[in-house]
Amino acid sequence: MNILWLHDNINDHKEIDKQCKNFEKPIISFTDAESCISFLTISDQQNNIRPSILVVLNRTARQIVPEIHSYTALLFIIIFCTKNDNKIKWASKYKKVKLRYT
């Protein structure tokens, strides 16, 4: 299984990065959405690629989840939110999305 970590600036999210490093599997890190989407697209097209879990921040997730949520190679998506507010309601229609507040 692949664990994907999509973030825009690792220096802004050191605590989340620290939590991600606690996973037993190696993390594949992306700093731009296009690279992450390309990786998932290739994974989805090639059945021999391992399935993936995506860890992403809410502001980035809003941009890419509508495009990638149906990919079979993507098992689920963990969204980190900095505030517990109504901004994450958009994600409720995507069954692969799991939410986490920080």
PDB file of N, CA and C in Angstrom:
ATOM      1  N   MET A   1       0.839  -1.171   0.000  1.00  0.00           N
ATOM      2  CA  MET A   1       0.000   0.000   0.000  1.00  0.00           C
ATOM      3  C   MET A   1       0.893   1.246   0.000  1.00  0.00           C
ATOM      4  N   ASN A   2       0.484   2.254  -0.773  1.00  0.00           N
ATOM      5  CA  ASN A   2       1.176   3.537  -0.785  1.00  0.00           C
ATOM      6  C   ASN A   2       0.472   4.508   0.147  1.00  0.00           C
ATOM      7  N   ILE A   3       1.244   5.276   0.876  1.00  0.00           N
ATOM      8  CA  ILE A   3       0.696   6.375   1.660  1.00  0.00           C
ATOM      9  C   ILE A   3       1.209   7.653   1.009  1.00  0.00           C
ATOM     10  N   LEU A   4       0.278   8.456   0.527  1.00  0.00           N
ATOM     11  CA  LEU A   4       0.609   9.691  -0.175  1.00  0.00           C
ATOM     12  C   LEU A   4       0.320  10.880   0.728  1.00  0.00           C
ATOM     13  N   TRP A   5       1.249  11.829   0.778  1.00  0.00           N
ATOM     14  CA  TRP A   5       1.107  13.028   1.609  1.00  0.00           C
ATOM     15  C   TRP A   5       1.236  14.217   0.688  1.00  0.00           C
ATOM     16  N   LEU A   6       0.116  14.896   0.451  1.00  0.00           N
ATOM     17  CA  LEU A   6       0.084  16.072  -0.410  1.00  0.00           C
ATOM     18  C   LEU A   6       0.005  17.314   0.462  1.00  0.00           C
ATOM     19  N   HIS A   7       1.002  18.150   0.355  1.00  0.00           N
ATOM     20  CA  HIS A   7       1.073  19.372   1.154  1.00  0.00           C
ATOM     21  C   HIS A   7       1.691  20.471   0.307  1.00  0.00           C
ATOM     22  N   ASP A   8       1.365  21.704   0.607  1.00  0.00           N
ATOM     23  CA  ASP A   8       1.904  22.812  -0.168  1.00  0.00           C
ATOM     24  C   ASP A   8       3.224  23.339   0.378  1.00  0.00           C
ATOM     25  N   ASN A   9       3.424  23.239   1.669  1.00  0.00           N
ATOM     26  CA  ASN A   9       4.657  23.732   2.286  1.00  0.00           C
ATOM     27  C   ASN A   9       4.878  22.975   3.577  1.00  0.00           C
ATOM     28  N   ILE A  10       5.824  22.084   3.565  1.00  0.00           N
ATOM     29  CA  ILE A  10       6.064  21.216   4.720  1.00  0.00           C
ATOM     30  C   ILE A  10       6.421  22.007   5.969  1.00  0.00           C
ATOM     31  N   ASN A  11       7.044  23.160   5.831  1.00  0.00           N
ATOM     32  CA  ASN A  11       7.428  23.956   6.997  1.00  0.00           C
ATOM     33  C   ASN A  11       6.218  24.491   7.751  1.00  0.00           C
ATOM     34  N   ASP A  12       5.093  24.652   7.076  1.00  0.00           N
ATOM     35  CA  ASP A  12       3.879  25.138   7.732  1.00  0.00           C
ATOM     36  C   ASP A  12       3.132  24.048   8.487  1.00  0.00           C
ATOM     37  N   HIS A  13       3.475  22.807   8.257  1.00  0.00           N
ATOM     38  CA  HIS A  13       2.680  21.691   8.789  1.00  0.00           C
ATOM     39  C   HIS A  13       3.581  20.633   9.432  1.00  0.00           C
ATOM     40  N   LYS A  14       4.487  21.062  10.259  1.00  0.00           N
ATOM     41  CA  LYS A  14       5.454  20.142  10.859  1.00  0.00           C
ATOM     42  C   LYS A  14       4.801  19.077  11.732  1.00  0.00           C
ATOM     43  N   GLU A  15       3.753  19.437  12.461  1.00  0.00           N
ATOM     44  CA  GLU A  15       3.090  18.456  13.336  1.00  0.00           C
ATOM     45  C   GLU A  15       2.417  17.362  12.516  1.00  0.00           C
ATOM     46  N   ILE A  16       1.755  17.738  11.436  1.00  0.00           N
ATOM     47  CA  ILE A  16       1.117  16.735  10.575  1.00  0.00           C
ATOM     48  C   ILE A  16       2.183  15.848   9.946  1.00  0.00           C
ATOM     49  N   ASP A  17       3.269  16.463   9.488  1.00  0.00           N
ATOM     50  CA  ASP A  17       4.360  15.683   8.901  1.00  0.00           C
ATOM     51  C   ASP A  17       4.928  14.699   9.920  1.00  0.00           C
ATOM     52  N   LYS A  18       5.059  15.127  11.148  1.00  0.00           N
ATOM     53  CA  LYS A  18       5.552  14.252  12.215  1.00  0.00           C
ATOM     54  C   LYS A  18       4.612  13.056  12.409  1.00  0.00           C
ATOM     55  N   GLN A  19       3.290  13.315  12.393  1.00  0.00           N
ATOM     56  CA  GLN A  19       2.313  12.241  12.539  1.00  0.00           C
ATOM     57  C   GLN A  19       2.376  11.276  11.362  1.00  0.00           C
ATOM     58  N   CYS A  20       2.560  11.799  10.162  1.00  0.00           N
ATOM     59  CA  CYS A  20       2.637  10.945   8.976  1.00  0.00           C
ATOM     60  C   CYS A  20       3.866  10.045   9.019  1.00  0.00           C
ATOM     61  N   LYS A  21       4.936  10.521   9.593  1.00  0.00           N
ATOM     62  CA  LYS A  21       6.160   9.723   9.654  1.00  0.00           C
ATOM     63  C   LYS A  21       6.025   8.549  10.617  1.00  0.00           C
ATOM     64  N   ASN A  22       4.979   8.549  11.446  1.00  0.00           N
ATOM     65  CA  ASN A  22       4.746   7.439  12.365  1.00  0.00           C
ATOM     66  C   ASN A  22       4.126   6.226  11.677  1.00  0.00           C
ATOM     67  N   PHE A  23       3.676   6.388  10.423  1.00  0.00           N
ATOM     68  CA  PHE A  23       3.144   5.256   9.681  1.00  0.00           C
ATOM     69  C   PHE A  23       4.250   4.227   9.465  1.00  0.00           C
ATOM     70  N   GLU A  24       3.891   2.968   9.409  1.00  0.00           N
ATOM     71  CA  GLU A  24       4.863   1.915   9.180  1.00  0.00           C
ATOM     72  C   GLU A  24       5.352   1.891   7.738  1.00  0.00           C
ATOM     73  N   LYS A  25       4.537   2.338   6.825  1.00  0.00           N
ATOM     74  CA  LYS A  25       4.883   2.340   5.408  1.00  0.00           C
ATOM     75  C   LYS A  25       5.625   3.629   5.064  1.00  0.00           C
ATOM     76  N   PRO A  26       6.467   3.600   4.037  1.00  0.00           N
ATOM     77  CA  PRO A  26       7.100   4.847   3.609  1.00  0.00           C
ATOM     78  C   PRO A  26       6.073   5.804   3.006  1.00  0.00           C
ATOM     79  N   ILE A  27       6.328   7.078   3.167  1.00  0.00           N
ATOM     80  CA  ILE A  27       5.437   8.121   2.671  1.00  0.00           C
ATOM     81  C   ILE A  27       5.948   8.615   1.318  1.00  0.00           C
ATOM     82  N   ILE A  28       5.048   8.733   0.360  1.00  0.00           N
ATOM     83  CA  ILE A  28       5.367   9.366  -0.917  1.00  0.00           C
ATOM     84  C   ILE A  28       4.823  10.781  -0.818  1.00  0.00           C
ATOM     85  N   SER A  29       5.715  11.749  -0.832  1.00  0.00           N
ATOM     86  CA  SER A  29       5.342  13.121  -0.571  1.00  0.00           C
ATOM     87  C   SER A  29       5.239  13.925  -1.867  1.00  0.00           C
ATOM     88  N   PHE A  30       4.197  14.760  -1.951  1.00  0.00           N
ATOM     89  CA  PHE A  30       3.981  15.646  -3.093  1.00  0.00           C
ATOM     90  C   PHE A  30       3.772  17.062  -2.572  1.00  0.00           C
ATOM     91  N   THR A  31       4.310  18.044  -3.278  1.00  0.00           N
ATOM     92  CA  THR A  31       4.082  19.437  -2.899  1.00  0.00           C
ATOM     93  C   THR A  31       3.186  20.161  -3.896  1.00  0.00           C
ATOM     94  N   ASP A  32       2.738  19.465  -4.920  1.00  0.00           N
ATOM     95  CA  ASP A  32       1.783  20.079  -5.849  1.00  0.00           C
ATOM     96  C   ASP A  32       0.736  19.040  -6.249  1.00  0.00           C
ATOM     97  N   ALA A  33      -0.470  19.523  -6.446  1.00  0.00           N
ATOM     98  CA  ALA A  33      -1.610  18.651  -6.729  1.00  0.00           C
ATOM     99  C   ALA A  33      -1.447  17.907  -8.051  1.00  0.00           C
ATOM    100  N   GLU A  34      -0.887  18.556  -9.062  1.00  0.00           N
ATOM    101  CA  GLU A  34      -0.759  17.918 -10.373  1.00  0.00           C
ATOM    102  C   GLU A  34       0.092  16.649 -10.327  1.00  0.00           C
ATOM    103  N   SER A  35       1.193  16.694  -9.585  1.00  0.00           N
ATOM    104  CA  SER A  35       2.052  15.512  -9.468  1.00  0.00           C
ATOM    105  C   SER A  35       1.331  14.368  -8.758  1.00  0.00           C
ATOM    106  N   CYS A  36       0.589  14.708  -7.721  1.00  0.00           N
ATOM    107  CA  CYS A  36      -0.164  13.704  -6.983  1.00  0.00           C
ATOM    108  C   CYS A  36      -1.250  13.092  -7.858  1.00  0.00           C
ATOM    109  N   ILE A  37      -1.972  13.941  -8.592  1.00  0.00           N
ATOM    110  CA  ILE A  37      -3.019  13.452  -9.485  1.00  0.00           C
ATOM    111  C   ILE A  37      -2.424  12.564 -10.572  1.00  0.00           C
ATOM    112  N   SER A  38      -1.274  12.953 -11.110  1.00  0.00           N
ATOM    113  CA  SER A  38      -0.602  12.132 -12.131  1.00  0.00           C
ATOM    114  C   SER A  38      -0.236  10.758 -11.580  1.00  0.00           C
ATOM    115  N   PHE A  39       0.298  10.726 -10.363  1.00  0.00           N
ATOM    116  CA  PHE A  39       0.651   9.454  -9.729  1.00  0.00           C
ATOM    117  C   PHE A  39      -0.588   8.573  -9.578  1.00  0.00           C
ATOM    118  N   LEU A  40      -1.676   9.162  -9.094  1.00  0.00           N
ATOM    119  CA  LEU A  40      -2.910   8.393  -8.895  1.00  0.00           C
ATOM    120  C   LEU A  40      -3.526   7.948 -10.218  1.00  0.00           C
ATOM    121  N   THR A  41      -3.433   8.779 -11.235  1.00  0.00           N
ATOM    122  CA  THR A  41      -3.959   8.414 -12.551  1.00  0.00           C
ATOM    123  C   THR A  41      -3.224   7.212 -13.109  1.00  0.00           C
ATOM    124  N   ILE A  42      -1.902   7.230 -13.025  1.00  0.00           N
ATOM    125  CA  ILE A  42      -1.097   6.099 -13.500  1.00  0.00           C
ATOM    126  C   ILE A  42      -1.407   4.853 -12.673  1.00  0.00           C
ATOM    127  N   SER A  43      -1.505   5.018 -11.362  1.00  0.00           N
ATOM    128  CA  SER A  43      -1.832   3.884 -10.487  1.00  0.00           C
ATOM    129  C   SER A  43      -3.184   3.288 -10.841  1.00  0.00           C
ATOM    130  N   ASP A  44      -4.129   4.150 -11.162  1.00  0.00           N
ATOM    131  CA  ASP A  44      -5.470   3.691 -11.487  1.00  0.00           C
ATOM    132  C   ASP A  44      -5.504   2.965 -12.829  1.00  0.00           C
ATOM    133  N   GLN A  45      -4.663   3.385 -13.747  1.00  0.00           N
ATOM    134  CA  GLN A  45      -4.628   2.780 -15.077  1.00  0.00           C
ATOM    135  C   GLN A  45      -3.874   1.456 -15.105  1.00  0.00           C
ATOM    136  N   GLN A  46      -2.960   1.275 -14.148  1.00  0.00           N
ATOM    137  CA  GLN A  46      -2.160   0.050 -14.096  1.00  0.00           C
ATOM    138  C   GLN A  46      -2.595  -0.774 -12.893  1.00  0.00           C
ATOM    139  N   ASN A  47      -3.250  -1.849 -13.143  1.00  0.00           N
ATOM    140  CA  ASN A  47      -3.796  -2.668 -12.056  1.00  0.00           C
ATOM    141  C   ASN A  47      -2.736  -3.291 -11.166  1.00  0.00           C
ATOM    142  N   ASN A  48      -1.486  -3.315 -11.605  1.00  0.00           N
ATOM    143  CA  ASN A  48      -0.441  -3.941 -10.797  1.00  0.00           C
ATOM    144  C   ASN A  48       0.182  -2.971  -9.790  1.00  0.00           C
ATOM    145  N   ILE A  49      -0.246  -1.725  -9.769  1.00  0.00           N
ATOM    146  CA  ILE A  49       0.256  -0.742  -8.811  1.00  0.00           C
ATOM    147  C   ILE A  49      -0.493  -0.912  -7.492  1.00  0.00           C
ATOM    148  N   ARG A  50       0.234  -0.755  -6.390  1.00  0.00           N
ATOM    149  CA  ARG A  50      -0.389  -0.911  -5.071  1.00  0.00           C
ATOM    150  C   ARG A  50      -1.429   0.176  -4.806  1.00  0.00           C
ATOM    151  N   PRO A  51      -2.469  -0.156  -4.063  1.00  0.00           N
ATOM    152  CA  PRO A  51      -3.477   0.847  -3.716  1.00  0.00           C
ATOM    153  C   PRO A  51      -2.877   1.942  -2.825  1.00  0.00           C
ATOM    154  N   SER A  52      -3.558   3.082  -2.769  1.00  0.00           N
ATOM    155  CA  SER A  52      -3.025   4.247  -2.058  1.00  0.00           C
ATOM    156  C   SER A  52      -4.016   4.825  -1.062  1.00  0.00           C
ATOM    157  N   ILE A  53      -3.450   5.447  -0.043  1.00  0.00           N
ATOM    158  CA  ILE A  53      -4.174   6.270   0.919  1.00  0.00           C
ATOM    159  C   ILE A  53      -3.601   7.669   0.762  1.00  0.00           C
ATOM    160  N   LEU A  54      -4.467   8.659   0.649  1.00  0.00           N
ATOM    161  CA  LEU A  54      -4.017  10.040   0.491  1.00  0.00           C
ATOM    162  C   LEU A  54      -4.283  10.825   1.762  1.00  0.00           C
ATOM    163  N   VAL A  55      -3.244  11.500   2.246  1.00  0.00           N
ATOM    164  CA  VAL A  55      -3.352  12.419   3.378  1.00  0.00           C
ATOM    165  C   VAL A  55      -3.164  13.817   2.802  1.00  0.00           C
ATOM    166  N   VAL A  56      -4.132  14.701   3.075  1.00  0.00           N
ATOM    167  CA  VAL A  56      -4.117  16.021   2.435  1.00  0.00           C
ATOM    168  C   VAL A  56      -4.774  17.051   3.339  1.00  0.00           C
ATOM    169  N   LEU A  57      -4.390  18.300   3.175  1.00  0.00           N
ATOM    170  CA  LEU A  57      -5.012  19.392   3.908  1.00  0.00           C
ATOM    171  C   LEU A  57      -6.318  19.795   3.238  1.00  0.00           C
ATOM    172  N   ASN A  58      -7.238  20.326   4.018  1.00  0.00           N
ATOM    173  CA  ASN A  58      -8.573  20.659   3.522  1.00  0.00           C
ATOM    174  C   ASN A  58      -8.538  21.562   2.296  1.00  0.00           C
ATOM    175  N   ARG A  59      -7.739  22.621   2.334  1.00  0.00           N
ATOM    176  CA  ARG A  59      -7.760  23.577   1.209  1.00  0.00           C
ATOM    177  C   ARG A  59      -7.310  22.934  -0.094  1.00  0.00           C
ATOM    178  N   THR A  60      -6.390  21.991  -0.023  1.00  0.00           N
ATOM    179  CA  THR A  60      -5.939  21.283  -1.225  1.00  0.00           C
ATOM    180  C   THR A  60      -6.928  20.191  -1.593  1.00  0.00           C
ATOM    181  N   ALA A  61      -7.489  19.537  -0.603  1.00  0.00           N
ATOM    182  CA  ALA A  61      -8.453  18.461  -0.849  1.00  0.00           C
ATOM    183  C   ALA A  61      -9.648  18.966  -1.643  1.00  0.00           C
ATOM    184  N   ARG A  62     -10.103  20.152  -1.335  1.00  0.00           N
ATOM    185  CA  ARG A  62     -11.241  20.741  -2.065  1.00  0.00           C
ATOM    186  C   ARG A  62     -10.977  20.788  -3.562  1.00  0.00           C
ATOM    187  N   GLN A  63      -9.725  20.977  -3.932  1.00  0.00           N
ATOM    188  CA  GLN A  63      -9.365  21.096  -5.338  1.00  0.00           C
ATOM    189  C   GLN A  63      -9.268  19.749  -6.040  1.00  0.00           C
ATOM    190  N   ILE A  64      -8.769  18.728  -5.344  1.00  0.00           N
ATOM    191  CA  ILE A  64      -8.474  17.476  -6.056  1.00  0.00           C
ATOM    192  C   ILE A  64      -9.460  16.337  -5.811  1.00  0.00           C
ATOM    193  N   VAL A  65     -10.129  16.330  -4.675  1.00  0.00           N
ATOM    194  CA  VAL A  65     -11.027  15.205  -4.372  1.00  0.00           C
ATOM    195  C   VAL A  65     -12.089  14.991  -5.447  1.00  0.00           C
ATOM    196  N   PRO A  66     -12.735  16.025  -5.962  1.00  0.00           N
ATOM    197  CA  PRO A  66     -13.732  15.773  -7.007  1.00  0.00           C
ATOM    198  C   PRO A  66     -13.160  15.050  -8.230  1.00  0.00           C
ATOM    199  N   GLU A  67     -11.887  15.275  -8.503  1.00  0.00           N
ATOM    200  CA  GLU A  67     -11.257  14.637  -9.659  1.00  0.00           C
ATOM    201  C   GLU A  67     -10.800  13.206  -9.387  1.00  0.00           C
ATOM    202  N   ILE A  68     -10.379  12.919  -8.160  1.00  0.00           N
ATOM    203  CA  ILE A  68      -9.731  11.623  -7.884  1.00  0.00           C
ATOM    204  C   ILE A  68     -10.573  10.644  -7.074  1.00  0.00           C
ATOM    205  N   HIS A  69     -11.696  11.057  -6.530  1.00  0.00           N
ATOM    206  CA  HIS A  69     -12.426  10.191  -5.587  1.00  0.00           C
ATOM    207  C   HIS A  69     -12.889   8.870  -6.196  1.00  0.00           C
ATOM    208  N   SER A  70     -13.060   8.813  -7.496  1.00  0.00           N
ATOM    209  CA  SER A  70     -13.540   7.572  -8.118  1.00  0.00           C
ATOM    210  C   SER A  70     -12.416   6.620  -8.534  1.00  0.00           C
ATOM    211  N   TYR A  71     -11.180   7.009  -8.346  1.00  0.00           N
ATOM    212  CA  TYR A  71     -10.060   6.141  -8.737  1.00  0.00           C
ATOM    213  C   TYR A  71     -10.073   4.861  -7.896  1.00  0.00           C
ATOM    214  N   THR A  72     -10.001   3.731  -8.542  1.00  0.00           N
ATOM    215  CA  THR A  72     -10.017   2.467  -7.811  1.00  0.00           C
ATOM    216  C   THR A  72      -8.727   2.239  -7.031  1.00  0.00           C
ATOM    217  N   ALA A  73      -7.630   2.819  -7.472  1.00  0.00           N
ATOM    218  CA  ALA A  73      -6.351   2.662  -6.764  1.00  0.00           C
ATOM    219  C   ALA A  73      -6.322   3.438  -5.449  1.00  0.00           C
ATOM    220  N   LEU A  74      -7.266   4.350  -5.267  1.00  0.00           N
ATOM    221  CA  LEU A  74      -7.329   5.161  -4.054  1.00  0.00           C
ATOM    222  C   LEU A  74      -8.300   4.519  -3.062  1.00  0.00           C
ATOM    223  N   LEU A  75      -7.773   4.040  -1.954  1.00  0.00           N
ATOM    224  CA  LEU A  75      -8.610   3.375  -0.945  1.00  0.00           C
ATOM    225  C   LEU A  75      -9.434   4.372  -0.138  1.00  0.00           C
ATOM    226  N   PHE A  76      -8.751   5.383   0.424  1.00  0.00           N
ATOM    227  CA  PHE A  76      -9.453   6.435   1.131  1.00  0.00           C
ATOM    228  C   PHE A  76      -8.574   7.665   1.260  1.00  0.00           C
ATOM    229  N   ILE A  77      -9.213   8.747   1.686  1.00  0.00           N
ATOM    230  CA  ILE A  77      -8.569  10.056   1.787  1.00  0.00           C
ATOM    231  C   ILE A  77      -8.739  10.558   3.214  1.00  0.00           C
ATOM    232  N   ILE A  78      -7.640  10.959   3.816  1.00  0.00           N
ATOM    233  CA  ILE A  78      -7.677  11.565   5.148  1.00  0.00           C
ATOM    234  C   ILE A  78      -7.463  13.059   4.965  1.00  0.00           C
ATOM    235  N   ILE A  79      -8.411  13.848   5.438  1.00  0.00           N
ATOM    236  CA  ILE A  79      -8.308  15.298   5.309  1.00  0.00           C
ATOM    237  C   ILE A  79      -8.018  15.904   6.676  1.00  0.00           C
ATOM    238  N   PHE A  80      -6.918  16.635   6.753  1.00  0.00           N
ATOM    239  CA  PHE A  80      -6.581  17.365   7.968  1.00  0.00           C
ATOM    240  C   PHE A  80      -7.165  18.767   7.862  1.00  0.00           C
ATOM    241  N   CYS A  81      -7.875  19.163   8.901  1.00  0.00           N
ATOM    242  CA  CYS A  81      -8.475  20.492   8.954  1.00  0.00           C
ATOM    243  C   CYS A  81      -7.899  21.235  10.151  1.00  0.00           C
ATOM    244  N   THR A  82      -7.662  22.512   9.981  1.00  0.00           N
ATOM    245  CA  THR A  82      -7.119  23.293  11.091  1.00  0.00           C
ATOM    246  C   THR A  82      -8.213  23.860  11.979  1.00  0.00           C
ATOM    247  N   LYS A  83      -9.443  23.833  11.500  1.00  0.00           N
ATOM    248  CA  LYS A  83     -10.559  24.344  12.292  1.00  0.00           C
ATOM    249  C   LYS A  83     -11.738  23.389  12.175  1.00  0.00           C
ATOM    250  N   ASN A  84     -12.452  23.236  13.269  1.00  0.00           N
ATOM    251  CA  ASN A  84     -13.659  22.412  13.269  1.00  0.00           C
ATOM    252  C   ASN A  84     -14.838  23.313  12.921  1.00  0.00           C
ATOM    253  N   ASP A  85     -15.066  23.465  11.617  1.00  0.00           N
ATOM    254  CA  ASP A  85     -16.146  24.351  11.208  1.00  0.00           C
ATOM    255  C   ASP A  85     -16.874  23.773  10.001  1.00  0.00           C
ATOM    256  N   ASN A  86     -17.732  24.555   9.432  1.00  0.00           N
ATOM    257  CA  ASN A  86     -18.560  24.094   8.323  1.00  0.00           C
ATOM    258  C   ASN A  86     -17.816  23.986   7.006  1.00  0.00           C
ATOM    259  N   LYS A  87     -16.566  24.350   6.966  1.00  0.00           N
ATOM    260  CA  LYS A  87     -15.812  24.334   5.717  1.00  0.00           C
ATOM    261  C   LYS A  87     -15.596  22.930   5.167  1.00  0.00           C
ATOM    262  N   ILE A  88     -15.807  21.910   5.967  1.00  0.00           N
ATOM    263  CA  ILE A  88     -15.566  20.543   5.515  1.00  0.00           C
ATOM    264  C   ILE A  88     -16.842  19.823   5.094  1.00  0.00           C
ATOM    265  N   LYS A  89     -17.960  20.496   5.127  1.00  0.00           N
ATOM    266  CA  LYS A  89     -19.213  19.866   4.713  1.00  0.00           C
ATOM    267  C   LYS A  89     -19.166  19.407   3.263  1.00  0.00           C
ATOM    268  N   TRP A  90     -18.402  20.076   2.431  1.00  0.00           N
ATOM    269  CA  TRP A  90     -18.291  19.712   1.017  1.00  0.00           C
ATOM    270  C   TRP A  90     -17.865  18.259   0.849  1.00  0.00           C
ATOM    271  N   ALA A  91     -17.095  17.720   1.795  1.00  0.00           N
ATOM    272  CA  ALA A  91     -16.517  16.381   1.665  1.00  0.00           C
ATOM    273  C   ALA A  91     -17.495  15.261   1.991  1.00  0.00           C
ATOM    274  N   SER A  92     -18.622  15.568   2.568  1.00  0.00           N
ATOM    275  CA  SER A  92     -19.541  14.524   3.024  1.00  0.00           C
ATOM    276  C   SER A  92     -20.111  13.678   1.888  1.00  0.00           C
ATOM    277  N   LYS A  93     -20.102  14.174   0.673  1.00  0.00           N
ATOM    278  CA  LYS A  93     -20.651  13.395  -0.443  1.00  0.00           C
ATOM    279  C   LYS A  93     -19.658  12.409  -1.045  1.00  0.00           C
ATOM    280  N   TYR A  94     -18.431  12.393  -0.545  1.00  0.00           N
ATOM    281  CA  TYR A  94     -17.403  11.482  -1.059  1.00  0.00           C
ATOM    282  C   TYR A  94     -17.143  10.374  -0.046  1.00  0.00           C
ATOM    283  N   LYS A  95     -17.512   9.140  -0.403  1.00  0.00           N
ATOM    284  CA  LYS A  95     -17.459   8.049   0.561  1.00  0.00           C
ATOM    285  C   LYS A  95     -16.047   7.650   0.975  1.00  0.00           C
ATOM    286  N   LYS A  96     -15.045   7.959   0.173  1.00  0.00           N
ATOM    287  CA  LYS A  96     -13.675   7.594   0.522  1.00  0.00           C
ATOM    288  C   LYS A  96     -13.014   8.581   1.472  1.00  0.00           C
ATOM    289  N   VAL A  97     -13.675   9.682   1.738  1.00  0.00           N
ATOM    290  CA  VAL A  97     -13.078  10.733   2.583  1.00  0.00           C
ATOM    291  C   VAL A  97     -13.294  10.419   4.053  1.00  0.00           C
ATOM    292  N   LYS A  98     -12.217  10.472   4.793  1.00  0.00           N
ATOM    293  CA  LYS A  98     -12.227  10.383   6.248  1.00  0.00           C
ATOM    294  C   LYS A  98     -11.691  11.706   6.754  1.00  0.00           C
ATOM    295  N   LEU A  99     -12.304  12.276   7.761  1.00  0.00           N
ATOM    296  CA  LEU A  99     -11.896  13.601   8.244  1.00  0.00           C
ATOM    297  C   LEU A  99     -11.118  13.499   9.544  1.00  0.00           C
ATOM    298  N   ARG A 100     -10.209  14.425   9.722  1.00  0.00           N
ATOM    299  CA  ARG A 100      -9.435  14.495  10.947  1.00  0.00           C
ATOM    300  C   ARG A 100      -9.160  15.955  11.261  1.00  0.00           C
ATOM    301  N   TYR A 101      -9.423  16.345  12.454  1.00  0.00           N
ATOM    302  CA  TYR A 101      -9.168  17.733  12.852  1.00  0.00           C
ATOM    303  C   TYR A 101      -7.842  17.813  13.582  1.00  0.00           C
ATOM    304  N   THR A 102      -7.138  18.904  13.361  1.00  0.00           N
ATOM    305  CA  THR A 102      -5.871  19.121  14.068  1.00  0.00           C
ATOM    306  C   THR A 102      -5.941  20.395  14.870  1.00  0.00           C
TER     307      THR A 102
END
